[in-house]
Amino acid sequence: MSNLYHNTTYVLQTTYNLIHHHFSTGIQSIRRDVRPFLILQVGYWSLALMGVAITYRYPEIQQKVLDSTNKDLNRYQVGRWVKEAYDNGHVLTAAGWTFLINLTVGSFGCITLPSMMIPTSGILMTGVRAMTWGLIFSPITGKKDALTLPHFITMLIEGQPYILAALGDWLLTRRFLGQFGWRRVEGEGEGQIRLIDNEKDKDEKGKRTTWSWIPISWPGYGQGLKDVLSLYGPISGILAIAAIWEGYEVIHLKRGFW
């Protein structure tokens, strides 16, 4: 019994340390790159407001987007399971499915995975999501499923992990492009961008080798991936909070707080 207790304690302590380390590393990345994070915040919510403005001008678009979203939800078995959990009022089950889908599909599949293949594509996908949110949840058309204050809170919380995933795309792109031979000058001429002429990329006659022209740097790419994965601590934590709130909000606060 004593060995079981110590082994269990060791496993729990090790797990806690890993989670704490991963979460802390993600927070440090955000603090280190707070400026692009704030820029992405402004861009994300600006695009969401743009979606609202489009709905105001063309109100029929909202119903078309809603119909398309519901069709996609019913097309797959997982979507039907999620819908069933919400319809049956199972908050924890609905929250669990919401968290799983938002993490694997919403964050990794739609933002991080594209950015791993084409840098900045994740940021583009995040912008598309923001505008789609504006189209779907715009309160202007007065539909029964229009935005209420509880769901506005859901949007604010749930939007943060997607913005963080977009920040990961930016970090990956910066690491990737930072290996092309460009750097920011410090000291005299600070703020300028200059080309570094790497002699190791030239042959005996002083001409650049074929491979030196190909824009691939695996060391920079690998370090960028580490930066991206470090953000998945905060991303997972915020998505868990958002999923629990969304499960409760959608089931119990359909008409708002009042």
Foldseek 3Di string as FASTA:
>chain_A
DVVVVVVVVVVVVVVVVVLVVLQVLLVVLCVVPVPVLVVLVVLLQVLLVVLLVVCLVVVVQQVVLVVVVVVVLVVDPLSVQLVVCLVVLPLVSNLVSQLVCCLVCVQCVQAVVVLLVPQLNSSVSSSVVSSSNSSHQRCNVVDLQHHAPLVVVLCVLLNSLSSLSSVLSVLLVCLLVVPLQWDADPDVVGPDIDGHDDQVQADPVRHGDPVNPDSGDVVSNVVSVVSNSSNVSVSSVSSSVSSSSVSCCSRPVSPYPD
